[in-house]
Amino acid sequence: FLYRAQTPGTATGDNGTVRMGTSSAPQPDGTLFVLPSHGGRVTISEDDYLEGGPDLVAEIAASSAALDLGPRMDLYRRTGVCE
């Protein structure tokens, strides 16, 4: 929240679906992305989904560690998630 408040051109989301390719649409616990108008890579589709790799993804991996540290981490790396 504080980063977003102090950094123009950023937006955050909570449990939103992010389209990352044709068959991948994870729902990270938290996301932060730079808006396209400020040079960001994520776009917002006509039906209001994020598309592409956000700048930061947060996963709370208490019960889903195998998924979060395996296939999802690989997906995030492939789509250029920075953090």
PDB file of N, CA and C in Angstrom:
ATOM      1  N   PHE A   1       0.821  -1.198   0.000  1.00  0.00           N
ATOM      2  CA  PHE A   1       0.000   0.000   0.000  1.00  0.00           C
ATOM      3  C   PHE A   1       0.864   1.261   0.000  1.00  0.00           C
ATOM      4  N   LEU A   2       1.867   1.288   0.872  1.00  0.00           N
ATOM      5  CA  LEU A   2       2.726   2.467   0.961  1.00  0.00           C
ATOM      6  C   LEU A   2       3.522   2.687  -0.320  1.00  0.00           C
ATOM      7  N   TYR A   3       4.045   1.611  -0.900  1.00  0.00           N
ATOM      8  CA  TYR A   3       4.792   1.743  -2.154  1.00  0.00           C
ATOM      9  C   TYR A   3       3.885   2.320  -3.234  1.00  0.00           C
ATOM     10  N   ARG A   4       2.702   1.777  -3.349  1.00  0.00           N
ATOM     11  CA  ARG A   4       1.752   2.260  -4.357  1.00  0.00           C
ATOM     12  C   ARG A   4       1.404   3.728  -4.120  1.00  0.00           C
ATOM     13  N   ALA A   5       1.180   4.101  -2.880  1.00  0.00           N
ATOM     14  CA  ALA A   5       0.809   5.483  -2.558  1.00  0.00           C
ATOM     15  C   ALA A   5       1.917   6.470  -2.905  1.00  0.00           C
ATOM     16  N   GLN A   6       3.160   6.034  -2.814  1.00  0.00           N
ATOM     17  CA  GLN A   6       4.294   6.924  -3.059  1.00  0.00           C
ATOM     18  C   GLN A   6       4.872   6.805  -4.467  1.00  0.00           C
ATOM     19  N   THR A   7       4.366   5.885  -5.281  1.00  0.00           N
ATOM     20  CA  THR A   7       4.946   5.634  -6.603  1.00  0.00           C
ATOM     21  C   THR A   7       3.890   5.811  -7.683  1.00  0.00           C
ATOM     22  N   PRO A   8       3.889   6.945  -8.358  1.00  0.00           N
ATOM     23  CA  PRO A   8       2.913   7.168  -9.432  1.00  0.00           C
ATOM     24  C   PRO A   8       3.048   6.111 -10.529  1.00  0.00           C
ATOM     25  N   GLY A   9       1.926   5.689 -11.039  1.00  0.00           N
ATOM     26  CA  GLY A   9       1.920   4.744 -12.147  1.00  0.00           C
ATOM     27  C   GLY A   9       1.885   3.295 -11.730  1.00  0.00           C
ATOM     28  N   THR A  10       1.778   3.011 -10.434  1.00  0.00           N
ATOM     29  CA  THR A  10       1.674   1.627  -9.990  1.00  0.00           C
ATOM     30  C   THR A  10       0.250   1.327  -9.538  1.00  0.00           C
ATOM     31  N   ALA A  11      -0.071   0.063  -9.561  1.00  0.00           N
ATOM     32  CA  ALA A  11      -1.372  -0.398  -9.085  1.00  0.00           C
ATOM     33  C   ALA A  11      -1.161  -1.729  -8.393  1.00  0.00           C
ATOM     34  N   THR A  12      -2.045  -2.071  -7.493  1.00  0.00           N
ATOM     35  CA  THR A  12      -1.947  -3.337  -6.779  1.00  0.00           C
ATOM     36  C   THR A  12      -3.250  -4.103  -6.907  1.00  0.00           C
ATOM     37  N   GLY A  13      -3.160  -5.393  -6.640  1.00  0.00           N
ATOM     38  CA  GLY A  13      -4.348  -6.227  -6.674  1.00  0.00           C
ATOM     39  C   GLY A  13      -4.264  -7.294  -5.607  1.00  0.00           C
ATOM     40  N   ASP A  14      -5.401  -7.866  -5.276  1.00  0.00           N
ATOM     41  CA  ASP A  14      -5.484  -8.884  -4.245  1.00  0.00           C
ATOM     42  C   ASP A  14      -6.305 -10.044  -4.777  1.00  0.00           C
ATOM     43  N   ASN A  15      -5.686 -11.211  -4.920  1.00  0.00           N
ATOM     44  CA  ASN A  15      -6.362 -12.419  -5.388  1.00  0.00           C
ATOM     45  C   ASN A  15      -7.006 -12.253  -6.760  1.00  0.00           C
ATOM     46  N   GLY A  16      -6.403 -11.474  -7.630  1.00  0.00           N
ATOM     47  CA  GLY A  16      -6.930 -11.298  -8.978  1.00  0.00           C
ATOM     48  C   GLY A  16      -6.335 -12.292  -9.954  1.00  0.00           C
ATOM     49  N   THR A  17      -7.096 -12.672 -10.955  1.00  0.00           N
ATOM     50  CA  THR A  17      -6.609 -13.580 -11.982  1.00  0.00           C
ATOM     51  C   THR A  17      -5.714 -12.821 -12.948  1.00  0.00           C
ATOM     52  N   VAL A  18      -4.553 -13.420 -13.252  1.00  0.00           N
ATOM     53  CA  VAL A  18      -3.595 -12.821 -14.171  1.00  0.00           C
ATOM     54  C   VAL A  18      -3.395 -13.789 -15.322  1.00  0.00           C
ATOM     55  N   ARG A  19      -3.713 -13.363 -16.533  1.00  0.00           N
ATOM     56  CA  ARG A  19      -3.510 -14.220 -17.701  1.00  0.00           C
ATOM     57  C   ARG A  19      -2.037 -14.148 -18.102  1.00  0.00           C
ATOM     58  N   MET A  20      -1.412 -15.322 -18.111  1.00  0.00           N
ATOM     59  CA  MET A  20       0.006 -15.427 -18.463  1.00  0.00           C
ATOM     60  C   MET A  20       0.151 -16.499 -19.523  1.00  0.00           C
ATOM     61  N   GLY A  21      -0.160 -16.180 -20.734  1.00  0.00           N
ATOM     62  CA  GLY A  21      -0.138 -17.160 -21.802  1.00  0.00           C
ATOM     63  C   GLY A  21      -1.538 -17.664 -22.094  1.00  0.00           C
ATOM     64  N   THR A  22      -1.612 -18.600 -23.037  1.00  0.00           N
ATOM     65  CA  THR A  22      -2.924 -19.063 -23.493  1.00  0.00           C
ATOM     66  C   THR A  22      -3.612 -20.009 -22.519  1.00  0.00           C
ATOM     67  N   SER A  23      -2.839 -20.735 -21.700  1.00  0.00           N
ATOM     68  CA  SER A  23      -3.480 -21.709 -20.818  1.00  0.00           C
ATOM     69  C   SER A  23      -3.152 -21.502 -19.343  1.00  0.00           C
ATOM     70  N   SER A  24      -2.544 -20.379 -19.002  1.00  0.00           N
ATOM     71  CA  SER A  24      -2.164 -20.140 -17.610  1.00  0.00           C
ATOM     72  C   SER A  24      -2.817 -18.872 -17.094  1.00  0.00           C
ATOM     73  N   ALA A  25      -3.545 -19.017 -15.998  1.00  0.00           N
ATOM     74  CA  ALA A  25      -4.198 -17.859 -15.384  1.00  0.00           C
ATOM     75  C   ALA A  25      -4.197 -18.028 -13.867  1.00  0.00           C
ATOM     76  N   PRO A  26      -3.004 -17.902 -13.258  1.00  0.00           N
ATOM     77  CA  PRO A  26      -2.957 -18.062 -11.804  1.00  0.00           C
ATOM     78  C   PRO A  26      -3.658 -16.914 -11.087  1.00  0.00           C
ATOM     79  N   GLN A  27      -3.917 -17.126  -9.845  1.00  0.00           N
ATOM     80  CA  GLN A  27      -4.546 -16.117  -9.005  1.00  0.00           C
ATOM     81  C   GLN A  27      -3.618 -15.873  -7.808  1.00  0.00           C
ATOM     82  N   PRO A  28      -2.569 -15.034  -7.998  1.00  0.00           N
ATOM     83  CA  PRO A  28      -1.628 -14.781  -6.897  1.00  0.00           C
ATOM     84  C   PRO A  28      -2.327 -14.127  -5.711  1.00  0.00           C
ATOM     85  N   ASP A  29      -1.744 -14.340  -4.523  1.00  0.00           N
ATOM     86  CA  ASP A  29      -2.305 -13.722  -3.325  1.00  0.00           C
ATOM     87  C   ASP A  29      -2.179 -12.206  -3.372  1.00  0.00           C
ATOM     88  N   GLY A  30      -1.178 -11.704  -4.036  1.00  0.00           N
ATOM     89  CA  GLY A  30      -1.006 -10.259  -4.186  1.00  0.00           C
ATOM     90  C   GLY A  30      -0.195  -9.946  -5.424  1.00  0.00           C
ATOM     91  N   THR A  31      -0.495  -8.839  -6.080  1.00  0.00           N
ATOM     92  CA  THR A  31       0.268  -8.421  -7.258  1.00  0.00           C
ATOM     93  C   THR A  31       0.520  -6.926  -7.197  1.00  0.00           C
ATOM     94  N   LEU A  32       1.614  -6.511  -7.798  1.00  0.00           N
ATOM     95  CA  LEU A  32       1.907  -5.097  -7.992  1.00  0.00           C
ATOM     96  C   LEU A  32       2.399  -4.956  -9.420  1.00  0.00           C
ATOM     97  N   PHE A  33       1.890  -3.978 -10.124  1.00  0.00           N
ATOM     98  CA  PHE A  33       2.328  -3.794 -11.494  1.00  0.00           C
ATOM     99  C   PHE A  33       2.395  -2.320 -11.823  1.00  0.00           C
ATOM    100  N   VAL A  34       3.256  -2.026 -12.783  1.00  0.00           N
ATOM    101  CA  VAL A  34       3.395  -0.667 -13.281  1.00  0.00           C
ATOM    102  C   VAL A  34       2.421  -0.510 -14.439  1.00  0.00           C
ATOM    103  N   LEU A  35       1.647   0.538 -14.402  1.00  0.00           N
ATOM    104  CA  LEU A  35       0.658   0.771 -15.449  1.00  0.00           C
ATOM    105  C   LEU A  35       1.335   1.009 -16.791  1.00  0.00           C
ATOM    106  N   PRO A  36       0.726   0.549 -17.894  1.00  0.00           N
ATOM    107  CA  PRO A  36       1.316   0.742 -19.218  1.00  0.00           C
ATOM    108  C   PRO A  36       1.653   2.203 -19.525  1.00  0.00           C
ATOM    109  N   SER A  37       0.883   3.129 -19.003  1.00  0.00           N
ATOM    110  CA  SER A  37       1.153   4.547 -19.268  1.00  0.00           C
ATOM    111  C   SER A  37       2.469   5.008 -18.643  1.00  0.00           C
ATOM    112  N   HIS A  38       3.034   4.211 -17.739  1.00  0.00           N
ATOM    113  CA  HIS A  38       4.306   4.539 -17.100  1.00  0.00           C
ATOM    114  C   HIS A  38       5.396   3.538 -17.483  1.00  0.00           C
ATOM    115  N   GLY A  39       5.216   2.827 -18.580  1.00  0.00           N
ATOM    116  CA  GLY A  39       6.236   1.908 -19.081  1.00  0.00           C
ATOM    117  C   GLY A  39       6.103   0.474 -18.625  1.00  0.00           C
ATOM    118  N   GLY A  40       5.005   0.107 -18.012  1.00  0.00           N
ATOM    119  CA  GLY A  40       4.818  -1.259 -17.533  1.00  0.00           C
ATOM    120  C   GLY A  40       4.499  -2.238 -18.644  1.00  0.00           C
ATOM    121  N   ARG A  41       4.672  -3.522 -18.357  1.00  0.00           N
ATOM    122  CA  ARG A  41       4.469  -4.584 -19.352  1.00  0.00           C
ATOM    123  C   ARG A  41       3.095  -5.217 -19.274  1.00  0.00           C
ATOM    124  N   VAL A  42       2.405  -5.052 -18.157  1.00  0.00           N
ATOM    125  CA  VAL A  42       1.089  -5.665 -17.987  1.00  0.00           C
ATOM    126  C   VAL A  42       0.038  -4.824 -18.700  1.00  0.00           C
ATOM    127  N   THR A  43      -0.876  -5.485 -19.345  1.00  0.00           N
ATOM    128  CA  THR A  43      -1.992  -4.777 -19.959  1.00  0.00           C
ATOM    129  C   THR A  43      -3.287  -5.228 -19.276  1.00  0.00           C
ATOM    130  N   ILE A  44      -4.307  -4.450 -19.436  1.00  0.00           N
ATOM    131  CA  ILE A  44      -5.627  -4.802 -18.918  1.00  0.00           C
ATOM    132  C   ILE A  44      -6.515  -5.086 -20.117  1.00  0.00           C
ATOM    133  N   SER A  45      -7.056  -6.300 -20.163  1.00  0.00           N
ATOM    134  CA  SER A  45      -7.841  -6.728 -21.324  1.00  0.00           C
ATOM    135  C   SER A  45      -9.190  -6.022 -21.349  1.00  0.00           C
ATOM    136  N   GLU A  46      -9.891  -6.203 -22.457  1.00  0.00           N
ATOM    137  CA  GLU A  46     -11.218  -5.595 -22.597  1.00  0.00           C
ATOM    138  C   GLU A  46     -12.199  -6.125 -21.553  1.00  0.00           C
ATOM    139  N   ASP A  47     -11.964  -7.351 -21.087  1.00  0.00           N
ATOM    140  CA  ASP A  47     -12.856  -7.918 -20.060  1.00  0.00           C
ATOM    141  C   ASP A  47     -12.258  -7.799 -18.657  1.00  0.00           C
ATOM    142  N   ASP A  48     -11.343  -6.821 -18.477  1.00  0.00           N
ATOM    143  CA  ASP A  48     -10.790  -6.418 -17.174  1.00  0.00           C
ATOM    144  C   ASP A  48      -9.910  -7.451 -16.478  1.00  0.00           C
ATOM    145  N   TYR A  49      -9.172  -8.268 -17.232  1.00  0.00           N
ATOM    146  CA  TYR A  49      -8.177  -9.158 -16.662  1.00  0.00           C
ATOM    147  C   TYR A  49      -6.790  -8.573 -16.907  1.00  0.00           C
ATOM    148  N   LEU A  50      -5.865  -8.823 -15.971  1.00  0.00           N
ATOM    149  CA  LEU A  50      -4.475  -8.477 -16.210  1.00  0.00           C
ATOM    150  C   LEU A  50      -3.899  -9.498 -17.170  1.00  0.00           C
ATOM    151  N   GLU A  51      -3.058  -9.037 -18.094  1.00  0.00           N
ATOM    152  CA  GLU A  51      -2.412  -9.945 -19.029  1.00  0.00           C
ATOM    153  C   GLU A  51      -0.930  -9.637 -19.049  1.00  0.00           C
ATOM    154  N   GLY A  52      -0.108 -10.692 -18.938  1.00  0.00           N
ATOM    155  CA  GLY A  52       1.337 -10.537 -18.917  1.00  0.00           C
ATOM    156  C   GLY A  52       1.884 -10.777 -17.517  1.00  0.00           C
ATOM    157  N   GLY A  53       3.176 -10.521 -17.355  1.00  0.00           N
ATOM    158  CA  GLY A  53       3.820 -10.760 -16.064  1.00  0.00           C
ATOM    159  C   GLY A  53       3.875  -9.506 -15.212  1.00  0.00           C
ATOM    160  N   PRO A  54       3.238  -9.505 -14.041  1.00  0.00           N
ATOM    161  CA  PRO A  54       3.319  -8.350 -13.148  1.00  0.00           C
ATOM    162  C   PRO A  54       4.760  -8.111 -12.693  1.00  0.00           C
ATOM    163  N   ASP A  55       5.029  -6.960 -12.142  1.00  0.00           N
ATOM    164  CA  ASP A  55       6.357  -6.642 -11.641  1.00  0.00           C
ATOM    165  C   ASP A  55       6.652  -7.361 -10.333  1.00  0.00           C
ATOM    166  N   LEU A  56       5.638  -7.608  -9.524  1.00  0.00           N
ATOM    167  CA  LEU A  56       5.808  -8.307  -8.254  1.00  0.00           C
ATOM    168  C   LEU A  56       4.607  -9.202  -8.019  1.00  0.00           C
ATOM    169  N   VAL A  57       4.867 -10.420  -7.576  1.00  0.00           N
ATOM    170  CA  VAL A  57       3.810 -11.363  -7.221  1.00  0.00           C
ATOM    171  C   VAL A  57       4.085 -11.848  -5.810  1.00  0.00           C
ATOM    172  N   ALA A  58       3.080 -11.879  -4.964  1.00  0.00           N
ATOM    173  CA  ALA A  58       3.214 -12.393  -3.604  1.00  0.00           C
ATOM    174  C   ALA A  58       2.346 -13.630  -3.453  1.00  0.00           C
ATOM    175  N   GLU A  59       2.951 -14.691  -2.969  1.00  0.00           N
ATOM    176  CA  GLU A  59       2.224 -15.926  -2.696  1.00  0.00           C
ATOM    177  C   GLU A  59       2.413 -16.276  -1.228  1.00  0.00           C
ATOM    178  N   ILE A  60       1.352 -16.618  -0.537  1.00  0.00           N
ATOM    179  CA  ILE A  60       1.428 -17.117   0.824  1.00  0.00           C
ATOM    180  C   ILE A  60       1.383 -18.636   0.696  1.00  0.00           C
ATOM    181  N   ALA A  61       2.528 -19.261   0.940  1.00  0.00           N
ATOM    182  CA  ALA A  61       2.705 -20.663   0.572  1.00  0.00           C
ATOM    183  C   ALA A  61       2.568 -21.639   1.728  1.00  0.00           C
ATOM    184  N   ALA A  62       1.781 -21.341   2.723  1.00  0.00           N
ATOM    185  CA  ALA A  62       1.636 -22.246   3.861  1.00  0.00           C
ATOM    186  C   ALA A  62       1.057 -23.595   3.449  1.00  0.00           C
ATOM    187  N   SER A  63      -0.009 -23.594   2.691  1.00  0.00           N
ATOM    188  CA  SER A  63      -0.647 -24.853   2.312  1.00  0.00           C
ATOM    189  C   SER A  63      -0.437 -25.218   0.849  1.00  0.00           C
ATOM    190  N   SER A  64       0.119 -24.311   0.066  1.00  0.00           N
ATOM    191  CA  SER A  64       0.271 -24.570  -1.368  1.00  0.00           C
ATOM    192  C   SER A  64       1.724 -24.437  -1.818  1.00  0.00           C
ATOM    193  N   ALA A  65       2.663 -24.739  -0.940  1.00  0.00           N
ATOM    194  CA  ALA A  65       4.088 -24.550  -1.243  1.00  0.00           C
ATOM    195  C   ALA A  65       4.526 -25.333  -2.470  1.00  0.00           C
ATOM    196  N   ALA A  66       4.078 -26.561  -2.617  1.00  0.00           N
ATOM    197  CA  ALA A  66       4.498 -27.371  -3.762  1.00  0.00           C
ATOM    198  C   ALA A  66       4.084 -26.723  -5.083  1.00  0.00           C
ATOM    199  N   LEU A  67       2.892 -26.179  -5.132  1.00  0.00           N
ATOM    200  CA  LEU A  67       2.408 -25.501  -6.333  1.00  0.00           C
ATOM    201  C   LEU A  67       3.112 -24.163  -6.518  1.00  0.00           C
ATOM    202  N   ASP A  68       3.209 -23.379  -5.445  1.00  0.00           N
ATOM    203  CA  ASP A  68       3.782 -22.033  -5.541  1.00  0.00           C
ATOM    204  C   ASP A  68       5.273 -22.052  -5.869  1.00  0.00           C
ATOM    205  N   LEU A  69       6.011 -23.028  -5.335  1.00  0.00           N
ATOM    206  CA  LEU A  69       7.457 -23.087  -5.548  1.00  0.00           C
ATOM    207  C   LEU A  69       7.845 -23.969  -6.722  1.00  0.00           C
ATOM    208  N   GLY A  70       6.870 -24.587  -7.359  1.00  0.00           N
ATOM    209  CA  GLY A  70       7.121 -25.452  -8.506  1.00  0.00           C
ATOM    210  C   GLY A  70       6.583 -24.833  -9.785  1.00  0.00           C
ATOM    211  N   PRO A  71       5.411 -25.309 -10.248  1.00  0.00           N
ATOM    212  CA  PRO A  71       4.861 -24.842 -11.524  1.00  0.00           C
ATOM    213  C   PRO A  71       4.602 -23.335 -11.580  1.00  0.00           C
ATOM    214  N   ARG A  72       4.106 -22.751 -10.502  1.00  0.00           N
ATOM    215  CA  ARG A  72       3.838 -21.307 -10.539  1.00  0.00           C
ATOM    216  C   ARG A  72       5.134 -20.503 -10.628  1.00  0.00           C
ATOM    217  N   MET A  73       6.155 -20.903  -9.870  1.00  0.00           N
ATOM    218  CA  MET A  73       7.419 -20.176  -9.937  1.00  0.00           C
ATOM    219  C   MET A  73       7.999 -20.256 -11.352  1.00  0.00           C
ATOM    220  N   ASP A  74       7.918 -21.430 -11.972  1.00  0.00           N
ATOM    221  CA  ASP A  74       8.391 -21.573 -13.349  1.00  0.00           C
ATOM    222  C   ASP A  74       7.619 -20.655 -14.289  1.00  0.00           C
ATOM    223  N   LEU A  75       6.300 -20.595 -14.129  1.00  0.00           N
ATOM    224  CA  LEU A  75       5.467 -19.719 -14.947  1.00  0.00           C
ATOM    225  C   LEU A  75       5.858 -18.264 -14.744  1.00  0.00           C
ATOM    226  N   TYR A  76       6.043 -17.854 -13.503  1.00  0.00           N
ATOM    227  CA  TYR A  76       6.402 -16.467 -13.220  1.00  0.00           C
ATOM    228  C   TYR A  76       7.749 -16.119 -13.849  1.00  0.00           C
ATOM    229  N   ARG A  77       8.692 -17.031 -13.813  1.00  0.00           N
ATOM    230  CA  ARG A  77      10.004 -16.784 -14.449  1.00  0.00           C
ATOM    231  C   ARG A  77       9.866 -16.652 -15.960  1.00  0.00           C
ATOM    232  N   ARG A  78       9.092 -17.553 -16.552  1.00  0.00           N
ATOM    233  CA  ARG A  78       8.921 -17.521 -18.026  1.00  0.00           C
ATOM    234  C   ARG A  78       8.254 -16.225 -18.495  1.00  0.00           C
ATOM    235  N   THR A  79       7.345 -15.679 -17.684  1.00  0.00           N
ATOM    236  CA  THR A  79       6.615 -14.493 -18.119  1.00  0.00           C
ATOM    237  C   THR A  79       7.262 -13.198 -17.652  1.00  0.00           C
ATOM    238  N   GLY A  80       8.442 -13.283 -17.026  1.00  0.00           N
ATOM    239  CA  GLY A  80       9.200 -12.094 -16.697  1.00  0.00           C
ATOM    240  C   GLY A  80       8.804 -11.363 -15.429  1.00  0.00           C
ATOM    241  N   VAL A  81       8.166 -12.068 -14.483  1.00  0.00           N
ATOM    242  CA  VAL A  81       7.854 -11.442 -13.197  1.00  0.00           C
ATOM    243  C   VAL A  81       9.177 -11.098 -12.524  1.00  0.00           C
ATOM    244  N   CYS A  82       9.340  -9.841 -12.141  1.00  0.00           N
ATOM    245  CA  CYS A  82      10.623  -9.379 -11.583  1.00  0.00           C
ATOM    246  C   CYS A  82      10.849  -9.858 -10.157  1.00  0.00           C
ATOM    247  N   GLU A  83       9.840  -9.812  -9.327  1.00  0.00           N
ATOM    248  CA  GLU A  83       9.971 -10.174  -7.905  1.00  0.00           C
ATOM    249  C   GLU A  83       8.873 -11.145  -7.524  1.00  0.00           C
TER     250      GLU A  83
END
